[in-house]
Structures are given as C-alpha cells and as structure tokens.
PDB file of all heavy atoms in Angstrom:
ATOM      1  N   ILE A   1     -42.825  34.375   5.035  1.00  0.00           N
ATOM      2  CA  ILE A   1     -44.099  34.576   5.731  1.00  0.00           C
ATOM      3  C   ILE A   1     -44.058  34.122   7.187  1.00  0.00           C
ATOM      4  O   ILE A   1     -45.092  34.046   7.849  1.00  0.00           O
ATOM      5  CB  ILE A   1     -45.249  33.853   5.008  1.00  0.00           C
ATOM      6  CG1 ILE A   1     -45.034  32.331   5.028  1.00  0.00           C
ATOM      7  CG2 ILE A   1     -45.429  34.384   3.591  1.00  0.00           C
ATOM      8  CD1 ILE A   1     -46.281  31.530   4.657  1.00  0.00           C
ATOM      9  N   ALA A   2     -42.880  33.836   7.718  1.00  0.00           N
ATOM     10  CA  ALA A   2     -42.788  33.259   9.065  1.00  0.00           C
ATOM     11  C   ALA A   2     -43.422  34.138  10.133  1.00  0.00           C
ATOM     12  O   ALA A   2     -44.061  33.648  11.070  1.00  0.00           O
ATOM     13  CB  ALA A   2     -41.328  32.976   9.419  1.00  0.00           C
ATOM     14  N   SER A   3     -43.277  35.455   9.994  1.00  0.00           N
ATOM     15  CA  SER A   3     -43.828  36.360  11.006  1.00  0.00           C
ATOM     16  C   SER A   3     -45.350  36.443  10.933  1.00  0.00           C
ATOM     17  O   SER A   3     -45.997  36.951  11.850  1.00  0.00           O
ATOM     18  CB  SER A   3     -43.225  37.755  10.851  1.00  0.00           C
ATOM     19  OG  SER A   3     -43.519  38.300   9.572  1.00  0.00           O
ATOM     20  N   ARG A   4     -45.924  35.913   9.835  1.00  0.00           N
ATOM     21  CA  ARG A   4     -47.383  35.906   9.676  1.00  0.00           C
ATOM     22  C   ARG A   4     -47.951  34.486   9.715  1.00  0.00           C
ATOM     23  O   ARG A   4     -49.048  34.237   9.237  1.00  0.00           O
ATOM     24  CB  ARG A   4     -47.763  36.577   8.346  1.00  0.00           C
ATOM     25  CG  ARG A   4     -47.512  38.066   8.319  1.00  0.00           C
ATOM     26  CD  ARG A   4     -47.993  38.699   7.011  1.00  0.00           C
ATOM     27  NE  ARG A   4     -47.030  38.585   5.937  1.00  0.00           N
ATOM     28  CZ  ARG A   4     -47.236  37.942   4.787  1.00  0.00           C
ATOM     29  NH1 ARG A   4     -48.386  37.323   4.567  1.00  0.00           N
ATOM     30  NH2 ARG A   4     -46.305  37.912   3.863  1.00  0.00           N
ATOM     31  N   THR A   5     -47.200  33.568  10.298  1.00  0.00           N
ATOM     32  CA  THR A   5     -47.602  32.163  10.286  1.00  0.00           C
ATOM     33  C   THR A   5     -47.695  31.597  11.694  1.00  0.00           C
ATOM     34  O   THR A   5     -46.842  31.858  12.542  1.00  0.00           O
ATOM     35  CB  THR A   5     -46.607  31.325   9.465  1.00  0.00           C
ATOM     36  OG1 THR A   5     -46.637  31.778   8.104  1.00  0.00           O
ATOM     37  CG2 THR A   5     -46.953  29.849   9.504  1.00  0.00           C
ATOM     38  N   VAL A   6     -48.742  30.809  11.921  1.00  0.00           N
ATOM     39  CA  VAL A   6     -48.890  29.981  13.118  1.00  0.00           C
ATOM     40  C   VAL A   6     -48.791  28.530  12.671  1.00  0.00           C
ATOM     41  O   VAL A   6     -49.390  28.141  11.669  1.00  0.00           O
ATOM     42  CB  VAL A   6     -50.260  30.219  13.802  1.00  0.00           C
ATOM     43  CG1 VAL A   6     -50.445  29.271  14.984  1.00  0.00           C
ATOM     44  CG2 VAL A   6     -50.404  31.667  14.246  1.00  0.00           C
ATOM     45  N   ILE A   7     -48.025  27.730  13.404  1.00  0.00           N
ATOM     46  CA  ILE A   7     -47.984  26.291  13.142  1.00  0.00           C
ATOM     47  C   ILE A   7     -48.821  25.603  14.212  1.00  0.00           C
ATOM     48  O   ILE A   7     -48.566  25.761  15.404  1.00  0.00           O
ATOM     49  CB  ILE A   7     -46.549  25.737  13.153  1.00  0.00           C
ATOM     50  CG1 ILE A   7     -45.661  26.489  12.162  1.00  0.00           C
ATOM     51  CG2 ILE A   7     -46.563  24.236  12.859  1.00  0.00           C
ATOM     52  CD1 ILE A   7     -46.084  26.382  10.714  1.00  0.00           C
ATOM     53  N   GLN A   8     -49.816  24.843  13.777  1.00  0.00           N
ATOM     54  CA  GLN A   8     -50.715  24.193  14.716  1.00  0.00           C
ATOM     55  C   GLN A   8     -50.611  22.682  14.586  1.00  0.00           C
ATOM     56  O   GLN A   8     -50.211  22.162  13.537  1.00  0.00           O
ATOM     57  CB  GLN A   8     -52.159  24.634  14.469  1.00  0.00           C
ATOM     58  CG  GLN A   8     -52.704  24.262  13.100  1.00  0.00           C
ATOM     59  CD  GLN A   8     -54.161  24.619  12.914  1.00  0.00           C
ATOM     60  OE1 GLN A   8     -54.858  24.974  13.868  1.00  0.00           O
ATOM     61  NE2 GLN A   8     -54.649  24.548  11.685  1.00  0.00           N
ATOM     62  N   SER A   9     -50.986  21.973  15.655  1.00  0.00           N
ATOM     63  CA  SER A   9     -50.984  20.516  15.584  1.00  0.00           C
ATOM     64  C   SER A   9     -51.725  19.914  16.770  1.00  0.00           C
ATOM     65  O   SER A   9     -51.742  20.483  17.867  1.00  0.00           O
ATOM     66  CB  SER A   9     -49.554  19.976  15.569  1.00  0.00           C
ATOM     67  OG  SER A   9     -49.543  18.606  15.187  1.00  0.00           O
ATOM     68  N   PHE A  10     -52.354  18.748  16.511  1.00  0.00           N
ATOM     69  CA  PHE A  10     -52.836  17.903  17.593  1.00  0.00           C
ATOM     70  C   PHE A  10     -51.660  17.136  18.195  1.00  0.00           C
ATOM     71  O   PHE A  10     -51.716  16.705  19.346  1.00  0.00           O
ATOM     72  CB  PHE A  10     -53.861  16.892  17.067  1.00  0.00           C
ATOM     73  CG  PHE A  10     -55.177  17.491  16.663  1.00  0.00           C
ATOM     74  CD1 PHE A  10     -55.477  17.704  15.329  1.00  0.00           C
ATOM     75  CD2 PHE A  10     -56.126  17.829  17.615  1.00  0.00           C
ATOM     76  CE1 PHE A  10     -56.698  18.234  14.954  1.00  0.00           C
ATOM     77  CE2 PHE A  10     -57.347  18.370  17.247  1.00  0.00           C
ATOM     78  CZ  PHE A  10     -57.639  18.573  15.911  1.00  0.00           C
ATOM     79  N   ASP A  11     -50.628  16.926  17.389  1.00  0.00           N
ATOM     80  CA  ASP A  11     -49.437  16.189  17.813  1.00  0.00           C
ATOM     81  C   ASP A  11     -48.521  17.161  18.542  1.00  0.00           C
ATOM     82  O   ASP A  11     -47.785  17.935  17.921  1.00  0.00           O
ATOM     83  CB  ASP A  11     -48.743  15.592  16.587  1.00  0.00           C
ATOM     84  CG  ASP A  11     -47.545  14.735  16.946  1.00  0.00           C
ATOM     85  OD1 ASP A  11     -47.186  14.670  18.148  1.00  0.00           O
ATOM     86  OD2 ASP A  11     -46.951  14.146  16.025  1.00  0.00           O
ATOM     87  N   LYS A  12     -48.542  17.103  19.850  1.00  0.00           N
ATOM     88  CA  LYS A  12     -47.783  18.088  20.626  1.00  0.00           C
ATOM     89  C   LYS A  12     -46.285  17.986  20.389  1.00  0.00           C
ATOM     90  O   LYS A  12     -45.548  18.951  20.606  1.00  0.00           O
ATOM     91  CB  LYS A  12     -48.093  17.958  22.116  1.00  0.00           C
ATOM     92  CG  LYS A  12     -47.732  16.649  22.776  1.00  0.00           C
ATOM     93  CD  LYS A  12     -48.088  16.689  24.267  1.00  0.00           C
ATOM     94  CE  LYS A  12     -47.734  15.404  24.993  1.00  0.00           C
ATOM     95  NZ  LYS A  12     -48.576  14.266  24.569  1.00  0.00           N
ATOM     96  N   ARG A  13     -45.817  16.872  19.874  1.00  0.00           N
ATOM     97  CA  ARG A  13     -44.377  16.701  19.649  1.00  0.00           C
ATOM     98  C   ARG A  13     -43.847  17.720  18.631  1.00  0.00           C
ATOM     99  O   ARG A  13     -42.732  18.221  18.781  1.00  0.00           O
ATOM    100  CB  ARG A  13     -44.084  15.288  19.162  1.00  0.00           C
ATOM    101  CG  ARG A  13     -44.507  14.178  20.117  1.00  0.00           C
ATOM    102  CD  ARG A  13     -44.293  12.817  19.487  1.00  0.00           C
ATOM    103  NE  ARG A  13     -44.987  12.710  18.212  1.00  0.00           N
ATOM    104  CZ  ARG A  13     -44.653  11.832  17.248  1.00  0.00           C
ATOM    105  NH1 ARG A  13     -43.628  10.999  17.434  1.00  0.00           N
ATOM    106  NH2 ARG A  13     -45.329  11.791  16.113  1.00  0.00           N
ATOM    107  N   THR A  14     -44.639  18.007  17.591  1.00  0.00           N
ATOM    108  CA  THR A  14     -44.160  18.937  16.571  1.00  0.00           C
ATOM    109  C   THR A  14     -44.066  20.357  17.110  1.00  0.00           C
ATOM    110  O   THR A  14     -43.081  21.047  16.887  1.00  0.00           O
ATOM    111  CB  THR A  14     -45.045  18.909  15.314  1.00  0.00           C
ATOM    112  OG1 THR A  14     -46.392  19.222  15.662  1.00  0.00           O
ATOM    113  CG2 THR A  14     -44.998  17.568  14.635  1.00  0.00           C
ATOM    114  N   ILE A  15     -45.093  20.795  17.818  1.00  0.00           N
ATOM    115  CA  ILE A  15     -45.042  22.183  18.291  1.00  0.00           C
ATOM    116  C   ILE A  15     -44.108  22.340  19.491  1.00  0.00           C
ATOM    117  O   ILE A  15     -43.549  23.424  19.696  1.00  0.00           O
ATOM    118  CB  ILE A  15     -46.455  22.749  18.573  1.00  0.00           C
ATOM    119  CG1 ILE A  15     -47.239  21.893  19.557  1.00  0.00           C
ATOM    120  CG2 ILE A  15     -47.220  22.901  17.254  1.00  0.00           C
ATOM    121  CD1 ILE A  15     -48.585  22.493  19.946  1.00  0.00           C
ATOM    122  N   GLN A  16     -43.899  21.274  20.249  1.00  0.00           N
ATOM    123  CA  GLN A  16     -42.874  21.330  21.311  1.00  0.00           C
ATOM    124  C   GLN A  16     -41.495  21.520  20.691  1.00  0.00           C
ATOM    125  O   GLN A  16     -40.688  22.319  21.176  1.00  0.00           O
ATOM    126  CB  GLN A  16     -42.918  20.044  22.149  1.00  0.00           C
ATOM    127  CG  GLN A  16     -44.100  19.960  23.099  1.00  0.00           C
ATOM    128  CD  GLN A  16     -44.251  18.574  23.709  1.00  0.00           C
ATOM    129  OE1 GLN A  16     -43.841  17.561  23.125  1.00  0.00           O
ATOM    130  NE2 GLN A  16     -44.853  18.504  24.888  1.00  0.00           N
ATOM    131  N   TYR A  17     -41.234  20.780  19.625  1.00  0.00           N
ATOM    132  CA  TYR A  17     -39.955  20.913  18.922  1.00  0.00           C
ATOM    133  C   TYR A  17     -39.805  22.322  18.342  1.00  0.00           C
ATOM    134  O   TYR A  17     -38.746  22.949  18.471  1.00  0.00           O
ATOM    135  CB  TYR A  17     -39.855  19.864  17.820  1.00  0.00           C
ATOM    136  CG  TYR A  17     -38.689  20.073  16.888  1.00  0.00           C
ATOM    137  CD1 TYR A  17     -37.375  19.800  17.291  1.00  0.00           C
ATOM    138  CD2 TYR A  17     -38.890  20.564  15.597  1.00  0.00           C
ATOM    139  CE1 TYR A  17     -36.307  20.010  16.438  1.00  0.00           C
ATOM    140  CE2 TYR A  17     -37.824  20.764  14.734  1.00  0.00           C
ATOM    141  CZ  TYR A  17     -36.534  20.492  15.164  1.00  0.00           C
ATOM    142  OH  TYR A  17     -35.477  20.710  14.315  1.00  0.00           O
ATOM    143  N   ILE A  18     -40.845  22.808  17.696  1.00  0.00           N
ATOM    144  CA  ILE A  18     -40.792  24.149  17.099  1.00  0.00           C
ATOM    145  C   ILE A  18     -40.573  25.208  18.178  1.00  0.00           C
ATOM    146  O   ILE A  18     -39.765  26.131  18.003  1.00  0.00           O
ATOM    147  CB  ILE A  18     -42.075  24.425  16.291  1.00  0.00           C
ATOM    148  CG1 ILE A  18     -42.098  23.548  15.037  1.00  0.00           C
ATOM    149  CG2 ILE A  18     -42.172  25.900  15.891  1.00  0.00           C
ATOM    150  CD1 ILE A  18     -43.438  23.499  14.335  1.00  0.00           C
ATOM    151  N   ASN A  19     -41.272  25.079  19.291  1.00  0.00           N
ATOM    152  CA  ASN A  19     -41.097  26.057  20.369  1.00  0.00           C
ATOM    153  C   ASN A  19     -39.669  26.060  20.900  1.00  0.00           C
ATOM    154  O   ASN A  19     -39.130  27.111  21.252  1.00  0.00           O
ATOM    155  CB  ASN A  19     -42.069  25.746  21.504  1.00  0.00           C
ATOM    156  CG  ASN A  19     -41.929  26.698  22.675  1.00  0.00           C
ATOM    157  OD1 ASN A  19     -42.239  27.876  22.576  1.00  0.00           O
ATOM    158  ND2 ASN A  19     -41.438  26.187  23.798  1.00  0.00           N
ATOM    159  N   ARG A  20     -39.052  24.892  20.927  1.00  0.00           N
ATOM    160  CA  ARG A  20     -37.695  24.787  21.462  1.00  0.00           C
ATOM    161  C   ARG A  20     -36.649  25.296  20.471  1.00  0.00           C
ATOM    162  O   ARG A  20     -35.717  26.024  20.844  1.00  0.00           O
ATOM    163  CB  ARG A  20     -37.411  23.321  21.813  1.00  0.00           C
ATOM    164  CG  ARG A  20     -36.066  23.104  22.494  1.00  0.00           C
ATOM    165  CD  ARG A  20     -35.913  21.679  22.965  1.00  0.00           C
ATOM    166  NE  ARG A  20     -35.773  20.726  21.863  1.00  0.00           N
ATOM    167  CZ  ARG A  20     -36.712  19.872  21.467  1.00  0.00           C
ATOM    168  NH1 ARG A  20     -37.886  19.859  22.081  1.00  0.00           N
ATOM    169  NH2 ARG A  20     -36.485  19.034  20.476  1.00  0.00           N
ATOM    170  N   VAL A  21     -36.804  24.942  19.201  1.00  0.00           N
ATOM    171  CA  VAL A  21     -35.770  25.231  18.203  1.00  0.00           C
ATOM    172  C   VAL A  21     -36.037  26.523  17.428  1.00  0.00           C
ATOM    173  O   VAL A  21     -35.110  27.201  17.006  1.00  0.00           O
ATOM    174  CB  VAL A  21     -35.630  24.034  17.241  1.00  0.00           C
ATOM    175  CG1 VAL A  21     -34.578  24.296  16.177  1.00  0.00           C
ATOM    176  CG2 VAL A  21     -35.271  22.771  18.028  1.00  0.00           C
ATOM    177  N   TYR A  22     -37.321  26.861  17.269  1.00  0.00           N
ATOM    178  CA  TYR A  22     -37.724  28.061  16.533  1.00  0.00           C
ATOM    179  C   TYR A  22     -38.623  28.932  17.418  1.00  0.00           C
ATOM    180  O   TYR A  22     -39.815  29.111  17.133  1.00  0.00           O
ATOM    181  CB  TYR A  22     -38.493  27.688  15.262  1.00  0.00           C
ATOM    182  CG  TYR A  22     -37.831  26.668  14.379  1.00  0.00           C
ATOM    183  CD1 TYR A  22     -38.232  25.331  14.403  1.00  0.00           C
ATOM    184  CD2 TYR A  22     -36.817  27.039  13.500  1.00  0.00           C
ATOM    185  CE1 TYR A  22     -37.634  24.392  13.583  1.00  0.00           C
ATOM    186  CE2 TYR A  22     -36.222  26.105  12.669  1.00  0.00           C
ATOM    187  CZ  TYR A  22     -36.626  24.785  12.718  1.00  0.00           C
ATOM    188  OH  TYR A  22     -36.028  23.852  11.895  1.00  0.00           O
ATOM    189  N   PRO A  23     -38.105  29.436  18.522  1.00  0.00           N
ATOM    190  CA  PRO A  23     -38.966  30.135  19.488  1.00  0.00           C
ATOM    191  C   PRO A  23     -39.635  31.392  18.949  1.00  0.00           C
ATOM    192  O   PRO A  23     -40.628  31.855  19.519  1.00  0.00           O
ATOM    193  CB  PRO A  23     -38.006  30.469  20.636  1.00  0.00           C
ATOM    194  CG  PRO A  23     -36.643  30.478  20.005  1.00  0.00           C
ATOM    195  CD  PRO A  23     -36.692  29.413  18.959  1.00  0.00           C
ATOM    196  N   GLU A  24     -39.122  31.942  17.835  1.00  0.00           N
ATOM    197  CA  GLU A  24     -39.747  33.136  17.269  1.00  0.00           C
ATOM    198  C   GLU A  24     -41.078  32.835  16.582  1.00  0.00           C
ATOM    199  O   GLU A  24     -41.880  33.730  16.343  1.00  0.00           O
ATOM    200  CB  GLU A  24     -38.805  33.793  16.235  1.00  0.00           C
ATOM    201  CG  GLU A  24     -37.513  34.339  16.829  1.00  0.00           C
ATOM    202  CD  GLU A  24     -36.400  33.293  16.842  1.00  0.00           C
ATOM    203  OE1 GLU A  24     -36.722  32.094  16.683  1.00  0.00           O
ATOM    204  OE2 GLU A  24     -35.233  33.668  17.007  1.00  0.00           O
ATOM    205  N   LEU A  25     -41.299  31.567  16.248  1.00  0.00           N
ATOM    206  CA  LEU A  25     -42.509  31.187  15.535  1.00  0.00           C
ATOM    207  C   LEU A  25     -43.681  30.965  16.488  1.00  0.00           C
ATOM    208  O   LEU A  25     -43.527  30.439  17.586  1.00  0.00           O
ATOM    209  CB  LEU A  25     -42.265  29.918  14.718  1.00  0.00           C
ATOM    210  CG  LEU A  25     -41.539  30.165  13.400  1.00  0.00           C
ATOM    211  CD1 LEU A  25     -40.853  28.912  12.910  1.00  0.00           C
ATOM    212  CD2 LEU A  25     -42.537  30.647  12.356  1.00  0.00           C
ATOM    213  N   LYS A  26     -44.862  31.338  16.031  1.00  0.00           N
ATOM    214  CA  LYS A  26     -46.086  31.153  16.810  1.00  0.00           C
ATOM    215  C   LYS A  26     -46.583  29.721  16.635  1.00  0.00           C
ATOM    216  O   LYS A  26     -46.553  29.165  15.531  1.00  0.00           O
ATOM    217  CB  LYS A  26     -47.171  32.135  16.352  1.00  0.00           C
ATOM    218  CG  LYS A  26     -46.788  33.600  16.447  1.00  0.00           C
ATOM    219  CD  LYS A  26     -47.883  34.486  15.861  1.00  0.00           C
ATOM    220  CE  LYS A  26     -47.507  35.953  15.890  1.00  0.00           C
ATOM    221  NZ  LYS A  26     -46.421  36.262  14.929  1.00  0.00           N
ATOM    222  N   THR A  27     -47.081  29.134  17.726  1.00  0.00           N
ATOM    223  CA  THR A  27     -47.628  27.792  17.667  1.00  0.00           C
ATOM    224  C   THR A  27     -49.021  27.748  18.286  1.00  0.00           C
ATOM    225  O   THR A  27     -49.382  28.593  19.108  1.00  0.00           O
ATOM    226  CB  THR A  27     -46.730  26.771  18.392  1.00  0.00           C
ATOM    227  OG1 THR A  27     -46.534  27.194  19.751  1.00  0.00           O
ATOM    228  CG2 THR A  27     -45.393  26.617  17.693  1.00  0.00           C
ATOM    229  N   SER A  28     -49.781  26.741  17.866  1.00  0.00           N
ATOM    230  CA  SER A  28     -51.140  26.558  18.367  1.00  0.00           C
ATOM    231  C   SER A  28     -51.354  25.084  18.694  1.00  0.00           C
ATOM    232  O   SER A  28     -51.024  24.207  17.889  1.00  0.00           O
ATOM    233  CB  SER A  28     -52.155  27.018  17.312  1.00  0.00           C
ATOM    234  OG  SER A  28     -53.475  26.745  17.719  1.00  0.00           O
TER     235      SER A  28
END
C-alpha cells in the first residue's frame, strides 16, 4: 500500500528521515 500511503508526524525527525531514505513515499 506504499503508493497509497502518507506518513505524517509532529516529530519532524521521522519524516525528514523518510524523505531522505524513502523519497518515493509521501509525507505530511
């Protein structure tokens, strides 16, 4: 379901990591 998933967080560290390592994934 990765192409239909957004990962969100108040903790910017998690989505910064995801953006860097998993750039195909959407973040919020």
